[in-house]
Amino acid sequence: MHPTPPQRSDVAFSILELAPVREGQSIHDALTQSLELAQHAEKLGYQRLWLAEHHNMDGIASSATAVLLTYLLANTQHIRLGSGGIMLPNHAPLVVAEQFGTLQALYPGRIELGLGRAPGTDSVTMQALRRGRRETEQQFPQDVREILSYFDQPTAGQAIVATPGQNSHVPVWLLGSSLFSAQLAAELGLPYSFASHFAPRMLAAAIALYRENFKPSSYLAAPYVSMGVPCIVAESDAEAHYLATTAYQRILSMIRGQSMKLKAPVESMQGLCNAAEKMTIDNFYAVAQIGSAATVKAGLAQLQETYQVDEFIFTCDVYDPAKRLSSFERLMQLKTS
């Protein structure tokens, strides 16, 4: 079952997880911390937790997304878990349908499939993933329709039937940071999640395009939009901005092609980056909400007034895992207070 659009005063809170690897810690630590976050999110009442697919990045351990989802599903009870997203050009649609159909059969009603059309990596790694396959981003609409057909009731004479997958009706979302996926989600009548947690420039235009062109479908009766929001909630504004230097250092490392493992926070970014790099970091985090509970509450209210979304999906790059869990707890308290 796909989401039902809530009242505007009841914006859903969800989490996007990248299984961050911290300097001085192992990949096992990162995966264990992802489970701890999923269990914490379930206890706090978050709507859903998604894993993002990335490759050849030493600071992100969620590359085998469906495998990691199995670990999280097996050790939680009811929270909805999914991909945010599977980068579809890297995969054969039938394989994706079989994987997520299997998860739906094992954990019915708890699995979701978010689909993106970017590779989630560099061009060299993209070739290693595809091994000569001529998959392109332009083929994305055809691949999405193919996956939807595999999740539906098979038709008479259908040549390929996904097993598991057939008749599972796994909820499918489209993800994007441009107008392309917004248009496709509207055409297919699917929920849409905009990647404003790292590329907010086209957010307003994409939401408007999606809502104006949305066609009700068997999947969804009315438009449903979520937006990515980097967020850190701490005891004070000063502490939150101190913790946020971990996230800023990660983007700086990405710009420079260096290790993306999470680094401990620093007192100031001054002197660590030049003016152009600082501008890139600022653009990356243009919709970020970082501060005390009061500061973040006001900031989220302003975002909601501006974009009228149905759901916020939050990212949080904090070096100390306990402080990250605390941030998500403080964040949910804003919703319930």
Protein backbone atom coordinates (compact mmCIF):
# COMPACT_ATOMS: atom_id res chain seq x y z
CA MET A 1 0.00 0.00 0.00
CA HIS A 2 1.33 3.41 -0.93
CA PRO A 3 1.28 6.38 1.45
CA THR A 4 -1.90 8.38 1.95
CA PRO A 5 -1.21 12.13 1.85
CA PRO A 6 -1.45 13.47 5.44
CA GLN A 7 -2.87 16.76 6.55
CA ARG A 8 -0.36 19.55 6.03
CA SER A 9 -0.04 19.94 9.81
CA ASP A 10 1.03 16.31 10.11
CA VAL A 11 4.18 16.06 8.03
CA ALA A 12 5.73 12.59 8.25
CA PHE A 13 9.30 12.27 9.59
CA SER A 14 11.57 9.66 8.00
CA ILE A 15 15.30 8.88 7.78
CA LEU A 16 17.73 8.35 4.91
CA GLU A 17 20.74 6.26 5.99
CA LEU A 18 24.06 5.83 4.15
CA ALA A 19 25.70 3.51 6.70
CA PRO A 20 28.55 5.99 7.27
CA VAL A 21 32.00 4.61 8.03
CA ARG A 22 33.88 6.66 10.61
CA GLU A 23 37.62 7.21 10.77
CA GLY A 24 39.08 4.71 13.23
CA GLN A 25 36.12 2.33 12.92
CA SER A 26 35.35 -0.71 10.77
CA ILE A 27 32.66 -1.45 8.22
CA HIS A 28 31.20 -3.89 10.74
CA ASP A 29 30.85 -0.96 13.15
CA ALA A 30 29.07 1.07 10.46
CA LEU A 31 26.56 -1.69 9.69
CA THR A 32 25.89 -2.32 13.37
CA GLN A 33 25.30 1.41 13.88
CA SER A 34 22.83 1.40 10.98
CA LEU A 35 20.86 -1.31 12.77
CA GLU A 36 20.97 0.66 16.01
CA LEU A 37 19.60 3.66 14.13
CA ALA A 38 16.79 1.59 12.57
CA GLN A 39 15.82 0.21 15.97
CA HIS A 40 15.99 3.70 17.47
CA ALA A 41 13.86 5.12 14.65
CA GLU A 42 11.28 2.38 15.14
CA LYS A 43 11.05 3.09 18.85
CA LEU A 44 10.72 6.84 18.26
CA GLY A 45 7.99 6.46 15.63
CA TYR A 46 9.69 7.49 12.40
CA GLN A 47 7.62 6.70 9.32
CA ARG A 48 10.32 4.89 7.35
CA LEU A 49 14.07 4.41 7.02
CA TRP A 50 15.69 4.10 3.61
CA LEU A 51 19.18 3.04 2.56
CA ALA A 52 21.02 4.79 -0.28
CA GLU A 53 23.03 2.89 -2.89
CA HIS A 54 26.55 4.20 -3.52
CA HIS A 55 29.67 2.46 -4.81
CA ASN A 56 33.43 2.84 -4.50
CA MET A 57 33.14 5.27 -1.59
CA ASP A 58 35.12 4.26 1.47
CA GLY A 59 32.84 6.23 3.80
CA ILE A 60 29.53 4.64 2.71
CA ALA A 61 28.75 0.99 3.50
CA SER A 62 25.23 0.69 2.03
CA SER A 63 26.32 -0.45 -1.45
CA ALA A 64 24.67 -3.90 -1.19
CA THR A 65 21.36 -2.25 -0.35
CA ALA A 66 19.01 -5.24 -0.52
CA VAL A 67 21.40 -7.35 1.59
CA LEU A 68 21.66 -4.69 4.28
CA LEU A 69 17.88 -4.26 4.24
CA THR A 70 17.52 -7.95 5.09
CA TYR A 71 19.71 -7.43 8.19
CA LEU A 72 17.65 -4.44 9.32
CA LEU A 73 14.30 -6.11 8.63
CA ALA A 74 15.27 -9.21 10.57
CA ASN A 75 16.13 -7.15 13.64
CA THR A 76 13.21 -4.70 13.71
CA GLN A 77 9.49 -5.28 14.13
CA HIS A 78 7.31 -2.86 12.17
CA ILE A 79 9.12 0.19 10.77
CA ARG A 80 8.95 0.44 6.98
CA LEU A 81 12.35 -0.04 5.36
CA GLY A 82 13.44 0.48 1.79
CA SER A 83 15.85 1.87 -0.75
CA GLY A 84 16.45 5.52 -1.22
CA GLY A 85 17.28 4.42 -3.71
CA ILE A 86 18.28 1.56 -5.90
CA MET A 87 20.20 3.13 -8.80
CA LEU A 88 18.30 1.36 -11.54
CA PRO A 89 20.77 1.76 -14.42
CA ASN A 90 23.18 -0.42 -12.42
CA HIS A 91 20.75 -3.36 -12.30
CA ALA A 92 18.56 -5.54 -14.47
CA PRO A 93 14.92 -4.70 -13.61
CA LEU A 94 14.04 -8.39 -13.20
CA VAL A 95 16.77 -8.87 -10.59
CA VAL A 96 15.56 -5.83 -8.64
CA ALA A 97 11.98 -7.12 -8.76
CA GLU A 98 13.05 -10.57 -7.55
CA GLN A 99 15.12 -9.13 -4.70
CA PHE A 100 12.42 -6.80 -3.42
CA GLY A 101 9.70 -9.35 -4.11
CA THR A 102 11.64 -11.72 -1.88
CA LEU A 103 11.88 -9.11 0.86
CA GLN A 104 8.13 -8.43 0.56
CA ALA A 105 7.39 -12.17 0.88
CA LEU A 106 9.57 -12.43 3.99
CA TYR A 107 8.45 -9.16 5.59
CA PRO A 108 5.05 -8.34 4.07
CA GLY A 109 3.95 -4.73 4.20
CA ARG A 110 7.30 -3.42 5.43
CA ILE A 111 9.41 -3.03 2.28
CA GLU A 112 9.57 -0.12 -0.20
CA LEU A 113 11.52 0.37 -3.41
CA GLY A 114 12.80 3.84 -4.19
CA LEU A 115 14.36 4.11 -7.65
CA GLY A 116 16.92 6.58 -8.97
CA ARG A 117 18.39 6.98 -12.45
CA ALA A 118 21.93 8.12 -11.57
CA PRO A 119 24.76 5.59 -11.16
CA GLY A 120 25.59 6.58 -7.56
CA THR A 121 29.30 6.44 -8.35
CA ASP A 122 32.02 7.53 -10.79
CA SER A 123 32.22 6.54 -14.46
CA VAL A 124 34.95 3.91 -13.98
CA THR A 125 32.99 2.14 -11.23
CA MET A 126 29.83 2.43 -13.31
CA GLN A 127 31.52 0.39 -16.03
CA ALA A 128 32.62 -2.19 -13.48
CA LEU A 129 29.03 -2.51 -12.27
CA ARG A 130 27.51 -2.86 -15.73
CA ARG A 131 30.23 -4.95 -17.42
CA GLY A 132 29.35 -3.97 -20.96
CA ARG A 133 25.60 -3.60 -20.50
CA ARG A 134 24.31 -0.66 -22.52
CA GLU A 135 22.00 0.61 -19.83
CA THR A 136 21.52 4.39 -19.90
CA GLU A 137 19.67 6.95 -17.84
CA GLN A 138 17.41 7.53 -20.85
CA GLN A 139 16.12 3.96 -20.51
CA PHE A 140 14.97 4.66 -16.96
CA PRO A 141 11.22 5.13 -17.76
CA GLN A 142 11.10 1.80 -19.59
CA ASP A 143 12.89 0.04 -16.72
CA VAL A 144 10.54 1.53 -14.13
CA ARG A 145 7.51 0.32 -16.07
CA GLU A 146 9.10 -3.11 -16.36
CA ILE A 147 9.56 -3.35 -12.59
CA LEU A 148 5.98 -2.24 -11.98
CA SER A 149 4.78 -4.98 -14.31
CA TYR A 150 6.79 -7.60 -12.41
CA PHE A 151 5.14 -6.55 -9.13
CA ASP A 152 1.65 -6.73 -10.65
CA GLN A 153 -0.62 -9.68 -11.35
CA PRO A 154 0.87 -11.57 -14.34
CA THR A 155 -1.15 -11.35 -17.53
CA ALA A 156 -2.09 -14.32 -19.70
CA GLY A 157 0.85 -15.39 -21.79
CA GLN A 158 3.33 -13.13 -20.00
CA ALA A 159 6.77 -14.39 -21.04
CA ILE A 160 8.70 -13.41 -17.90
CA VAL A 161 7.21 -13.62 -14.42
CA ALA A 162 9.21 -12.47 -11.40
CA THR A 163 9.18 -15.16 -8.73
CA PRO A 164 9.21 -13.84 -6.04
CA GLY A 165 7.79 -10.50 -7.12
CA GLN A 166 4.59 -11.29 -9.00
CA ASN A 167 1.47 -9.87 -7.38
CA SER A 168 3.55 -8.50 -4.47
CA HIS A 169 2.67 -4.86 -5.22
CA VAL A 170 5.83 -3.58 -3.56
CA PRO A 171 5.39 0.21 -3.16
CA VAL A 172 7.59 2.02 -5.68
CA TRP A 173 8.84 5.60 -5.30
CA LEU A 174 10.76 7.71 -7.79
CA LEU A 175 13.71 9.75 -6.55
CA GLY A 176 15.43 12.64 -8.23
CA SER A 177 17.24 15.96 -8.07
CA SER A 178 15.96 17.36 -11.38
CA LEU A 179 12.72 17.65 -13.33
CA PHE A 180 13.05 14.32 -15.15
CA SER A 181 11.91 11.96 -12.37
CA ALA A 182 9.30 14.48 -11.19
CA GLN A 183 7.67 14.33 -14.62
CA LEU A 184 7.84 10.54 -14.76
CA ALA A 185 6.45 10.13 -11.22
CA ALA A 186 3.55 12.39 -12.15
CA GLU A 187 2.87 10.46 -15.35
CA LEU A 188 2.91 7.07 -13.60
CA GLY A 189 1.05 8.24 -10.50
CA LEU A 190 3.87 7.34 -8.08
CA PRO A 191 5.09 9.06 -4.90
CA TYR A 192 8.10 11.32 -5.42
CA SER A 193 11.10 12.10 -3.22
CA PHE A 194 13.37 15.02 -4.06
CA ALA A 195 17.07 14.80 -3.14
CA SER A 196 17.27 18.27 -1.62
CA HIS A 197 19.58 16.92 1.08
CA PHE A 198 22.43 17.38 -1.41
CA ALA A 199 21.01 19.11 -4.53
CA PRO A 200 18.23 21.52 -3.54
CA ARG A 201 18.44 23.91 -6.52
CA MET A 202 15.52 22.47 -8.52
CA LEU A 203 13.34 21.60 -5.52
CA ALA A 204 10.52 24.12 -6.01
CA ALA A 205 10.30 23.60 -9.77
CA ALA A 206 10.29 19.79 -9.44
CA ILE A 207 7.54 19.79 -6.82
CA ALA A 208 5.40 22.16 -8.89
CA LEU A 209 5.88 20.09 -12.04
CA TYR A 210 5.01 16.88 -10.21
CA ARG A 211 1.84 18.26 -8.62
CA GLU A 212 0.60 20.02 -11.75
CA ASN A 213 1.00 16.93 -13.93
CA PHE A 214 0.09 14.16 -11.47
CA LYS A 215 -2.24 11.48 -12.82
CA PRO A 216 -4.11 9.43 -10.19
CA SER A 217 -3.29 5.75 -10.51
CA SER A 218 -3.86 2.38 -8.89
CA TYR A 219 -0.70 3.15 -6.90
CA LEU A 220 -1.61 6.57 -5.54
CA ALA A 221 -4.76 8.73 -5.60
CA ALA A 222 -3.11 12.11 -5.06
CA PRO A 223 0.42 13.57 -5.24
CA TYR A 224 2.77 12.67 -2.39
CA VAL A 225 6.09 14.49 -2.00
CA SER A 226 8.98 14.00 0.38
CA MET A 227 12.08 16.19 0.54
CA GLY A 228 15.52 15.38 1.88
CA VAL A 229 16.73 17.57 4.75
CA PRO A 230 20.14 17.38 6.45
CA CYS A 231 19.46 17.92 10.14
CA ILE A 232 21.31 18.07 13.45
CA VAL A 233 19.51 18.90 16.68
CA ALA A 234 21.64 19.46 19.76
CA GLU A 235 21.51 21.12 23.18
CA SER A 236 22.46 24.48 21.68
CA ASP A 237 23.02 26.12 18.32
CA ALA A 238 26.75 26.22 19.04
CA GLU A 239 26.96 22.49 19.74
CA ALA A 240 24.94 21.62 16.65
CA HIS A 241 27.17 23.73 14.40
CA TYR A 242 30.24 22.14 15.98
CA LEU A 243 28.86 18.66 15.24
CA ALA A 244 28.00 19.74 11.69
CA THR A 245 31.67 20.30 10.84
CA THR A 246 31.86 16.52 10.38
CA ALA A 247 29.35 16.79 7.51
CA TYR A 248 31.14 19.82 6.06
CA GLN A 249 34.46 17.96 6.10
CA ARG A 250 32.83 15.05 4.28
CA ILE A 251 31.69 17.28 1.43
CA LEU A 252 35.11 18.91 1.31
CA SER A 253 36.66 15.44 0.98
CA MET A 254 34.22 14.61 -1.82
CA ILE A 255 35.14 17.81 -3.68
CA ARG A 256 38.83 16.96 -3.38
CA GLY A 257 38.49 13.27 -4.21
CA GLN A 258 39.72 12.22 -0.76
CA SER A 259 38.50 9.66 1.76
CA MET A 260 34.86 10.21 2.69
CA LYS A 261 35.03 8.52 6.07
CA LEU A 262 33.42 10.66 8.75
CA LYS A 263 35.96 12.80 10.58
CA ALA A 264 35.72 14.09 14.13
CA PRO A 265 34.25 17.61 14.40
CA VAL A 266 36.51 20.65 14.50
CA GLU A 267 36.08 24.00 16.19
CA SER A 268 35.94 25.87 12.87
CA MET A 269 36.10 25.21 9.12
CA GLN A 270 38.04 28.45 8.70
CA GLY A 271 41.31 27.75 6.96
CA LEU A 272 40.27 24.22 5.95
CA CYS A 273 38.62 25.20 2.65
CA ASN A 274 38.86 28.00 0.13
CA ALA A 275 36.02 30.33 -0.91
CA ALA A 276 34.88 28.18 -3.85
CA GLU A 277 34.82 25.04 -1.69
CA LYS A 278 32.87 26.84 1.01
CA MET A 279 30.31 27.94 -1.57
CA THR A 280 29.88 24.34 -2.73
CA ILE A 281 29.40 23.16 0.84
CA ASP A 282 26.87 25.94 1.50
CA ASN A 283 24.94 25.06 -1.67
CA PHE A 284 24.96 21.39 -0.74
CA TYR A 285 23.40 22.18 2.65
CA ALA A 286 21.10 25.00 1.55
CA VAL A 287 18.02 23.44 3.20
CA ALA A 288 19.88 21.99 6.21
CA GLN A 289 18.40 22.54 9.65
CA ILE A 290 21.14 22.71 12.27
CA GLY A 291 20.76 24.03 15.79
CA SER A 292 18.87 23.77 19.04
CA ALA A 293 15.38 22.34 19.20
CA ALA A 294 13.86 25.82 18.94
CA THR A 295 16.02 26.76 15.96
CA VAL A 296 15.29 23.57 14.03
CA LYS A 297 11.58 23.70 14.82
CA ALA A 298 11.36 27.19 13.36
CA GLY A 299 13.42 26.18 10.33
CA LEU A 300 11.27 23.15 9.56
CA ALA A 301 8.13 25.25 9.89
CA GLN A 302 9.58 27.66 7.33
CA LEU A 303 10.42 24.80 4.95
CA GLN A 304 6.91 23.45 5.27
CA GLU A 305 5.35 26.85 4.69
CA THR A 306 7.46 27.24 1.54
CA TYR A 307 7.13 23.78 -0.02
CA GLN A 308 4.03 22.19 1.58
CA VAL A 309 5.55 18.72 1.42
CA ASP A 310 3.97 15.58 2.83
CA GLU A 311 7.15 14.24 4.38
CA PHE A 312 10.65 15.21 5.48
CA ILE A 313 13.32 12.53 5.07
CA PHE A 314 16.32 13.45 7.20
CA THR A 315 20.03 12.76 6.88
CA CYS A 316 22.45 13.20 9.76
CA ASP A 317 26.24 12.96 9.47
CA VAL A 318 27.48 13.13 13.06
CA TYR A 319 30.76 11.52 14.10
CA ASP A 320 29.66 10.29 17.53
CA PRO A 321 26.98 7.57 16.99
CA ALA A 322 25.38 8.33 20.37
CA LYS A 323 25.03 12.01 19.49
CA ARG A 324 23.47 11.05 16.16
CA LEU A 325 20.86 8.94 17.95
CA SER A 326 20.27 11.83 20.35
CA SER A 327 19.77 14.22 17.43
CA PHE A 328 17.07 11.99 15.93
CA GLU A 329 15.40 11.72 19.34
CA ARG A 330 15.38 15.50 19.80
CA LEU A 331 14.06 15.85 16.26
CA MET A 332 11.10 13.55 16.82
CA GLN A 333 10.28 15.39 20.04
CA LEU A 334 9.71 18.50 17.90
CA LYS A 335 7.03 16.63 15.97
CA THR A 336 5.26 15.32 19.05
CA SER A 337 5.53 18.47 21.18
